[in-house]
Protein backbone atom coordinates (compact mmCIF):
# COMPACT_ATOMS: atom_id res chain seq x y z
CA UNK A 1 7.72 3.44 -131.69
CA UNK A 2 9.08 4.70 -134.85
CA UNK A 3 10.17 7.88 -134.06
CA UNK A 4 13.46 10.32 -135.01
CA UNK A 5 16.61 10.15 -132.68
CA UNK A 6 14.95 7.04 -130.42
CA UNK A 7 12.34 4.17 -130.79
CA UNK A 8 9.26 4.34 -128.59
CA UNK A 9 10.85 0.77 -127.27
CA UNK A 10 14.00 2.78 -125.71
CA UNK A 11 12.47 5.22 -124.68
CA UNK A 12 9.30 2.87 -123.09
CA UNK A 13 13.20 1.47 -120.98
CA UNK A 14 14.49 4.50 -120.27
CA UNK A 15 11.12 6.18 -118.32
CA UNK A 16 10.24 3.09 -116.44
CA UNK A 17 13.56 2.68 -115.54
CA UNK A 18 14.86 6.07 -114.06
CA UNK A 19 13.43 6.78 -110.48
CA UNK A 20 12.65 10.57 -111.39
CA UNK A 21 9.83 9.35 -114.29
CA UNK A 22 9.15 5.70 -113.67
CA UNK A 23 5.57 6.67 -112.55
CA UNK A 24 4.25 8.33 -115.71
CA UNK A 25 2.14 5.90 -117.53
CA UNK A 26 3.42 4.62 -121.24
CA UNK A 27 0.78 3.80 -123.84
CA UNK A 28 2.75 3.03 -127.41
CA UNK A 29 0.62 3.49 -130.75
CA UNK A 30 2.23 2.05 -133.64
CA UNK A 31 1.35 0.31 -136.88
CA UNK A 32 3.35 -2.93 -135.79
CA UNK A 33 1.27 -5.39 -134.48
CA UNK A 34 2.62 -8.89 -134.27
CA UNK A 35 2.62 -10.93 -130.83
CA UNK A 36 6.51 -10.59 -130.78
CA UNK A 37 6.46 -6.99 -131.21
CA UNK A 38 3.52 -6.46 -128.86
CA UNK A 39 5.85 -8.25 -126.38
CA UNK A 40 8.92 -6.24 -126.92
CA UNK A 41 6.79 -3.16 -126.00
CA UNK A 42 5.24 -4.87 -122.66
CA UNK A 43 8.65 -6.01 -121.44
CA UNK A 44 9.59 -2.63 -122.51
CA UNK A 45 7.24 -1.53 -119.26
CA UNK A 46 4.62 0.15 -121.20
CA UNK A 47 1.61 0.16 -119.53
CA UNK A 48 -0.63 -0.49 -122.99
CA UNK A 49 0.23 -1.40 -126.81
CA UNK A 50 -2.39 0.29 -129.54
CA UNK A 51 -1.89 -0.77 -132.87
CA UNK A 52 -3.03 1.22 -135.71
CA UNK A 53 -5.85 1.98 -137.42
CA UNK A 54 -6.94 2.71 -133.72
CA UNK A 55 -10.06 3.93 -132.91
CA UNK A 56 -9.44 7.82 -130.81
CA UNK A 57 -12.45 6.18 -128.17
CA UNK A 58 -10.48 3.22 -127.37
CA UNK A 59 -7.57 5.41 -126.75
CA UNK A 60 -9.34 7.84 -124.64
CA UNK A 61 -11.12 4.80 -122.09
CA UNK A 62 -7.31 3.61 -121.95
CA UNK A 63 -6.04 6.76 -120.80
CA UNK A 64 -9.28 7.42 -118.25
CA UNK A 65 -8.24 3.68 -116.94
CA UNK A 66 -4.69 4.35 -116.38
CA UNK A 67 -5.90 7.48 -114.32
CA UNK A 68 -8.16 5.84 -112.90
CA UNK A 69 -5.52 3.48 -111.22
CA UNK A 70 -3.39 6.25 -110.39
CA UNK A 71 -6.58 7.75 -108.41
CA UNK A 72 -7.02 4.33 -106.54
CA UNK A 73 -3.20 4.21 -105.76
CA UNK A 74 -3.55 7.80 -103.97
CA UNK A 75 -6.63 6.34 -102.23
CA UNK A 76 -4.72 3.59 -101.15
CA UNK A 77 -1.51 5.43 -99.91
CA UNK A 78 -3.52 7.34 -97.66
CA UNK A 79 -4.70 4.16 -96.24
CA UNK A 80 -1.69 2.45 -95.81
CA UNK A 81 1.60 4.53 -96.55
CA UNK A 82 3.14 3.90 -92.81
CA UNK A 83 1.88 0.42 -92.37
CA UNK A 84 2.73 -1.62 -95.63
CA UNK A 85 3.71 0.70 -98.62
CA UNK A 86 5.06 -2.62 -100.16
CA UNK A 87 1.55 -3.51 -100.77
CA UNK A 88 0.57 -0.93 -103.82
CA UNK A 89 0.16 -1.76 -106.31
CA UNK A 90 2.69 0.21 -108.52
CA UNK A 91 6.48 -0.66 -110.13
CA UNK A 92 8.99 -1.79 -108.16
CA UNK A 93 10.70 1.64 -108.46
CA UNK A 94 7.83 3.56 -107.60
CA UNK A 95 6.95 1.26 -104.80
CA UNK A 96 11.02 1.76 -103.86
CA UNK A 97 10.81 5.32 -104.09
CA UNK A 98 7.76 5.69 -101.75
CA UNK A 99 9.05 3.35 -99.01
CA UNK A 100 12.59 5.53 -99.39
CA UNK A 101 10.39 8.47 -99.33
CA UNK A 102 8.41 7.11 -95.59
CA UNK A 103 12.25 5.84 -94.04
CA UNK A 104 13.58 9.57 -94.72
CA UNK A 105 10.69 11.37 -92.79
CA UNK A 106 10.04 8.46 -89.86
CA UNK A 107 13.07 8.99 -89.53
CA UNK A 108 13.11 12.64 -89.07
CA UNK A 109 9.44 12.92 -87.79
CA UNK A 110 10.75 14.59 -84.67
CA UNK A 111 12.66 17.49 -86.05
CA UNK A 112 10.85 20.76 -86.52
CA UNK A 113 13.31 22.12 -89.07
CA UNK A 114 12.97 18.98 -92.02
CA UNK A 115 11.83 20.38 -94.37
CA UNK A 116 11.09 19.83 -98.73
CA UNK A 117 14.50 21.02 -99.31
CA UNK A 118 16.15 18.39 -97.01
CA UNK A 119 13.63 15.19 -98.29
CA UNK A 120 14.72 16.10 -101.47
CA UNK A 121 18.16 16.10 -101.07
CA UNK A 122 18.06 12.80 -99.34
CA UNK A 123 16.32 11.08 -102.26
CA UNK A 124 18.50 12.98 -104.77
CA UNK A 125 15.80 14.58 -106.39
CA UNK A 126 15.28 18.45 -107.61
CA UNK A 127 12.15 19.67 -105.28
CA UNK A 128 10.01 20.34 -108.67
CA UNK A 129 10.87 16.65 -109.81
CA UNK A 130 10.24 15.32 -106.09
CA UNK A 131 7.26 17.18 -106.09
CA UNK A 132 5.81 15.46 -109.29
CA UNK A 133 6.44 12.59 -108.31
CA UNK A 134 5.18 12.65 -105.33
CA UNK A 135 1.84 14.28 -106.45
CA UNK A 136 1.78 11.74 -109.08
CA UNK A 137 1.86 8.57 -106.75
CA UNK A 138 0.46 9.64 -103.70
CA UNK A 139 -1.85 12.38 -104.87
CA UNK A 140 0.43 14.33 -101.67
CA UNK A 141 2.93 17.67 -102.23
CA UNK A 142 5.52 16.75 -100.29
CA UNK A 143 4.82 19.09 -96.90
CA UNK A 144 1.40 17.27 -97.26
CA UNK A 145 3.20 14.07 -97.40
CA UNK A 146 5.69 15.07 -94.45
CA UNK A 147 2.24 16.05 -92.18
CA UNK A 148 0.75 13.22 -93.09
CA UNK A 149 3.15 10.81 -91.83
CA UNK A 150 3.76 13.30 -88.40
CA UNK A 151 0.17 13.10 -87.79
CA UNK A 152 -0.35 9.28 -88.60
CA UNK A 153 2.72 8.92 -86.17
CA UNK A 154 0.84 11.30 -83.60
CA UNK A 155 -2.54 8.94 -83.89
CA UNK A 156 -0.72 6.16 -83.11
CA UNK A 157 1.32 7.59 -80.26
CA UNK A 158 -2.38 8.84 -79.17
CA UNK A 159 -4.18 5.11 -78.50
CA UNK A 160 -0.34 3.80 -77.25
CA UNK A 161 1.96 5.66 -75.19
CA UNK A 162 0.81 7.74 -72.02
CA UNK A 163 2.65 11.26 -73.66
CA UNK A 164 0.34 14.14 -72.88
CA UNK A 165 -0.75 15.75 -76.18
CA UNK A 166 1.81 18.48 -76.40
CA UNK A 167 4.50 15.83 -76.00
CA UNK A 168 3.09 13.93 -79.08
CA UNK A 169 3.13 17.32 -80.48
CA UNK A 170 6.56 18.00 -80.25
CA UNK A 171 7.72 14.06 -80.53
CA UNK A 172 6.08 14.10 -84.01
CA UNK A 173 8.05 17.80 -85.32
CA UNK A 174 4.91 20.23 -84.33
CA UNK A 175 7.01 23.68 -82.32
CA UNK A 176 3.02 24.70 -81.59
CA UNK A 177 0.76 22.06 -80.07
CA UNK A 178 -2.00 24.16 -81.21
CA UNK A 179 -1.22 24.33 -84.31
CA UNK A 180 -0.85 20.06 -83.96
CA UNK A 181 -4.28 20.42 -83.12
CA UNK A 182 -5.50 21.99 -86.12
CA UNK A 183 -3.67 20.42 -88.57
CA UNK A 184 -5.03 17.05 -86.30
CA UNK A 185 -8.55 17.50 -86.55
CA UNK A 186 -8.32 18.52 -90.21
CA UNK A 187 -6.75 14.79 -90.62
CA UNK A 188 -9.17 12.90 -88.54
CA UNK A 189 -12.04 15.28 -87.58
CA UNK A 190 -11.20 14.61 -83.96
CA UNK A 191 -9.40 16.64 -81.18
CA UNK A 192 -5.82 14.75 -80.39
CA UNK A 193 -7.33 15.12 -76.88
CA UNK A 194 -10.43 13.28 -77.95
CA UNK A 195 -8.70 10.66 -80.18
CA UNK A 196 -6.61 9.34 -76.54
CA UNK A 197 -9.81 9.28 -75.05
CA UNK A 198 -11.67 7.54 -77.55
CA UNK A 199 -8.94 4.95 -77.69
CA UNK A 200 -8.70 4.21 -73.56
C-alpha cells in the first residue's frame, strides 16, 4: 500500500474503475493490518488483502485461486455469452464491457467486412488493449470472439429457421459457405447440415 508517488489504495481504485484495466486482479500486500484498513483495501476493489509478514506459499495459493476463477469465467462465457452475459460473475465494469462487445458484434453479425479494428473503434479501445481485455475475460482473442458469436447465431438459425445452410452462412457474415462449414465443424464437431437435421 505504501509506495512512492501513489499509494496502493489509489492504484487499486484506478485499476478497478478503468474499463481497460478492471479485469486485472489486485492483491494488496501491506503491514497495515487493522480491520478498517483492510476494509478500505477491499472497498477500493482489491481481490485480496494480505498483511506482512506473509507466507509466500499462501500468496502463491491465492494467486492460483484468482487464476482458477478467471478460467472458470472463460468456461462460463463459452456456455452462456450470447444468451445471458449478466450471469457471468465478474465486476460490473467487466460485465458491461462483455455486454457491449456482444451487442456490437450482433449489430454487425451479417457484415463480412466487420473487423477487429471496427470492434476496437466501437468500444473505444486500442486493438492491443481490446486483445488483452477480451482474452483475459473470455479466453478468446477478438477475432475468435467475433467468429464464436457468428457460429452461435448460425446454430440458432439452423434449428429455428427455414433458411438453407448457405443462406445462414451469409446471414452470419461468412462470404464462403465452405469456410463457414469448416469453422462450424471446429466449433460444434458436426456439419451444419447434420446439425440442422438433428434439430428437426
